[in-house]
C-alpha atoms as a PDB file:
ATOM      1  CA  MET A   1      64.191  24.883  55.665  1.00  0.00           C
ATOM      2  CA  LEU A   2      64.498  23.386  52.246  1.00  0.00           C
ATOM      3  CA  VAL A   3      61.612  23.248  49.863  1.00  0.00           C
ATOM      4  CA  ALA A   4      61.505  20.796  46.898  1.00  0.00           C
ATOM      5  CA  VAL A   5      60.881  22.641  43.709  1.00  0.00           C
ATOM      6  CA  PRO A   6      59.490  20.550  41.052  1.00  0.00           C
ATOM      7  CA  ARG A   7      61.510  20.435  37.917  1.00  0.00           C
ATOM      8  CA  PRO A   8      60.003  20.291  34.391  1.00  0.00           C
ATOM      9  CA  GLY A   9      59.271  16.657  33.398  1.00  0.00           C
ATOM     10  CA  ALA A  10      59.306  15.566  37.136  1.00  0.00           C
ATOM     11  CA  ARG A  11      55.890  13.968  36.854  1.00  0.00           C
ATOM     12  CA  SER A  12      57.064  11.830  33.924  1.00  0.00           C
ATOM     13  CA  ASN A  13      59.971  10.601  36.001  1.00  0.00           C
ATOM     14  CA  LEU A  14      57.575   9.747  38.852  1.00  0.00           C
ATOM     15  CA  LEU A  15      55.380   7.764  36.490  1.00  0.00           C
ATOM     16  CA  SER A  16      58.443   6.049  34.969  1.00  0.00           C
ATOM     17  CA  VAL A  17      59.549   5.019  38.556  1.00  0.00           C
ATOM     18  CA  THR A  18      55.910   3.823  39.401  1.00  0.00           C
ATOM     19  CA  LYS A  19      55.811   1.650  36.206  1.00  0.00           C
ATOM     20  CA  ASP A  20      59.295   0.280  36.910  1.00  0.00           C
ATOM     21  CA  MET A  21      58.212  -0.752  40.479  1.00  0.00           C
ATOM     22  CA  ARG A  22      55.048  -2.372  39.070  1.00  0.00           C
ATOM     23  CA  GLU A  23      57.126  -4.354  36.633  1.00  0.00           C
ATOM     24  CA  LEU A  24      59.491  -5.184  39.448  1.00  0.00           C
ATOM     25  CA  GLU A  25      56.660  -6.443  41.706  1.00  0.00           C
ATOM     26  CA  THR A  26      55.298  -8.624  38.815  1.00  0.00           C
ATOM     27  CA  GLU A  27      58.702 -10.060  38.315  1.00  0.00           C
ATOM     28  CA  ILE A  28      59.154 -10.810  41.971  1.00  0.00           C
ATOM     29  CA  GLU A  29      55.777 -12.440  42.090  1.00  0.00           C
ATOM     30  CA  ALA A  30      56.461 -14.659  38.983  1.00  0.00           C
ATOM     31  CA  THR A  31      59.776 -15.708  40.652  1.00  0.00           C
ATOM     32  CA  ARG A  32      58.119 -16.397  43.844  1.00  0.00           C
ATOM     33  CA  GLU A  33      55.691 -18.646  41.983  1.00  0.00           C
ATOM     34  CA  ARG A  34      58.490 -20.537  40.209  1.00  0.00           C
ATOM     35  CA  LEU A  35      60.392 -21.121  43.408  1.00  0.00           C
ATOM     36  CA  ALA A  36      57.113 -22.369  45.027  1.00  0.00           C
ATOM     37  CA  GLY A  37      56.859 -25.018  42.227  1.00  0.00           C
ATOM     38  CA  THR A  38      60.458 -25.946  42.534  1.00  0.00           C
ATOM     39  CA  ILE A  39      60.093 -26.527  46.406  1.00  0.00           C
ATOM     40  CA  ASP A  40      57.122 -28.539  45.718  1.00  0.00           C
ATOM     41  CA  GLN A  41      58.888 -30.774  43.291  1.00  0.00           C
ATOM     42  CA  LEU A  42      61.868 -31.163  45.539  1.00  0.00           C
ATOM     43  CA  VAL A  43      59.440 -32.172  48.498  1.00  0.00           C
ATOM     44  CA  TYR A  44      57.947 -34.763  46.367  1.00  0.00           C
ATOM     45  CA  ARG A  45      61.222 -36.270  45.138  1.00  0.00           C
ATOM     46  CA  ALA A  46      62.743 -36.258  48.600  1.00  0.00           C
ATOM     47  CA  HIS A  47      59.636 -37.999  50.055  1.00  0.00           C
ATOM     48  CA  PRO A  48      60.689 -41.489  51.363  1.00  0.00           C
ATOM     49  CA  LYS A  49      57.680 -43.115  49.575  1.00  0.00           C
ATOM     50  CA  THR A  50      58.705 -41.655  46.336  1.00  0.00           C
ATOM     51  CA  ILE A  51      62.450 -42.623  46.899  1.00  0.00           C
ATOM     52  CA  ALA A  52      61.338 -46.193  47.594  1.00  0.00           C
ATOM     53  CA  GLN A  53      59.200 -46.442  44.397  1.00  0.00           C
ATOM     54  CA  ARG A  54      62.021 -45.051  42.299  1.00  0.00           C
ATOM     55  CA  GLN A  55      64.412 -47.593  43.674  1.00  0.00           C
ATOM     56  CA  LYS A  56      61.851 -50.401  43.428  1.00  0.00           C
ATOM     57  CA  LEU A  57      61.245 -49.473  39.639  1.00  0.00           C
ATOM     58  CA  ALA A  58      65.146 -49.349  39.054  1.00  0.00           C
ATOM     59  CA  ILE A  59      65.534 -52.861  40.526  1.00  0.00           C
ATOM     60  CA  LYS A  60      62.577 -54.198  38.737  1.00  0.00           C
ATOM     61  CA  SER A  61      63.802 -52.751  35.424  1.00  0.00           C
ATOM     62  CA  THR A  62      66.967 -54.740  35.847  1.00  0.00           C
ATOM     63  CA  PHE A  63      65.248 -58.073  35.868  1.00  0.00           C
ATOM     64  CA  VAL A  64      62.054 -57.281  33.836  1.00  0.00           C
ATOM     65  CA  ASP A  65      61.740 -55.397  30.516  1.00  0.00           C
ATOM     66  CA  LEU A  66      59.278 -52.631  31.604  1.00  0.00           C
ATOM     67  CA  GLU A  67      57.825 -52.112  28.100  1.00  0.00           C
ATOM     68  CA  SER A  68      57.231 -55.782  27.233  1.00  0.00           C
ATOM     69  CA  GLY A  69      57.025 -57.404  30.722  1.00  0.00           C
ATOM     70  CA  ALA A  70      59.401 -60.077  29.558  1.00  0.00           C
ATOM     71  CA  PRO A  71      62.210 -61.274  32.076  1.00  0.00           C
ATOM     72  CA  ARG A  72      65.643 -60.261  31.302  1.00  0.00           C
ATOM     73  CA  THR A  73      67.183 -63.715  31.498  1.00  0.00           C
ATOM     74  CA  ASP A  74      70.834 -62.369  31.043  1.00  0.00           C
ATOM     75  CA  ASN A  75      70.603 -60.315  34.295  1.00  0.00           C
ATOM     76  CA  ILE A  76      68.756 -63.057  36.180  1.00  0.00           C
ATOM     77  CA  LEU A  77      71.463 -65.633  35.181  1.00  0.00           C
ATOM     78  CA  LYS A  78      74.242 -63.379  36.247  1.00  0.00           C
ATOM     79  CA  VAL A  79      72.672 -62.851  39.745  1.00  0.00           C
ATOM     80  CA  ALA A  80      71.873 -66.571  39.969  1.00  0.00           C
ATOM     81  CA  GLY A  81      75.447 -67.480  39.071  1.00  0.00           C
ATOM     82  CA  GLY A  82      76.809 -64.968  41.592  1.00  0.00           C
ATOM     83  CA  VAL A  83      74.706 -66.448  44.319  1.00  0.00           C
ATOM     84  CA  ALA A  84      75.551 -69.932  43.268  1.00  0.00           C
ATOM     85  CA  GLY A  85      79.322 -68.889  43.379  1.00  0.00           C
ATOM     86  CA  VAL A  86      78.948 -67.610  46.872  1.00  0.00           C
ATOM     87  CA  VAL A  87      77.188 -70.719  48.121  1.00  0.00           C
ATOM     88  CA  VAL A  88      79.849 -72.838  46.710  1.00  0.00           C
ATOM     89  CA  LEU A  89      82.598 -70.712  48.258  1.00  0.00           C
ATOM     90  CA  PHE A  90      81.164 -70.855  51.626  1.00  0.00           C
ATOM     91  CA  VAL A  91      80.667 -74.684  51.468  1.00  0.00           C
ATOM     92  CA  ALA A  92      84.258 -75.138  50.231  1.00  0.00           C
ATOM     93  CA  LEU A  93      85.586 -72.907  53.106  1.00  0.00           C
ATOM     94  CA  ARG A  94      83.593 -74.814  55.600  1.00  0.00           C
ATOM     95  CA  LYS A  95      85.060 -78.172  54.325  1.00  0.00           C
ATOM     96  CA  LEU A  96      88.538 -76.906  54.372  1.00  0.00           C
ATOM     97  CA  SER A  97      88.157 -75.380  57.984  1.00  0.00           C
ATOM     98  CA  ARG A  98      87.128 -78.920  59.421  1.00  0.00           C
END
């Protein structure tokens, strides 16, 4: 049978290991908290209502200056011109096909 014989300074090694384990546990807990916060943020960002609100804001910012509330006529005219061009194209194609 083997018997462990304590070496001089063994108690200080044990205290060092215990301290290291406490530090490790503290670090793991901090990491766990950061990950929980990150997951919460990802869940919020991936929620369909949040995505819809972001897209709505992006589209609105294309046509309205969000700071002043003034319409962005340059973008509005571009879209209106594109719609008018498509309508004219459909009317022309319809007349040519008859």
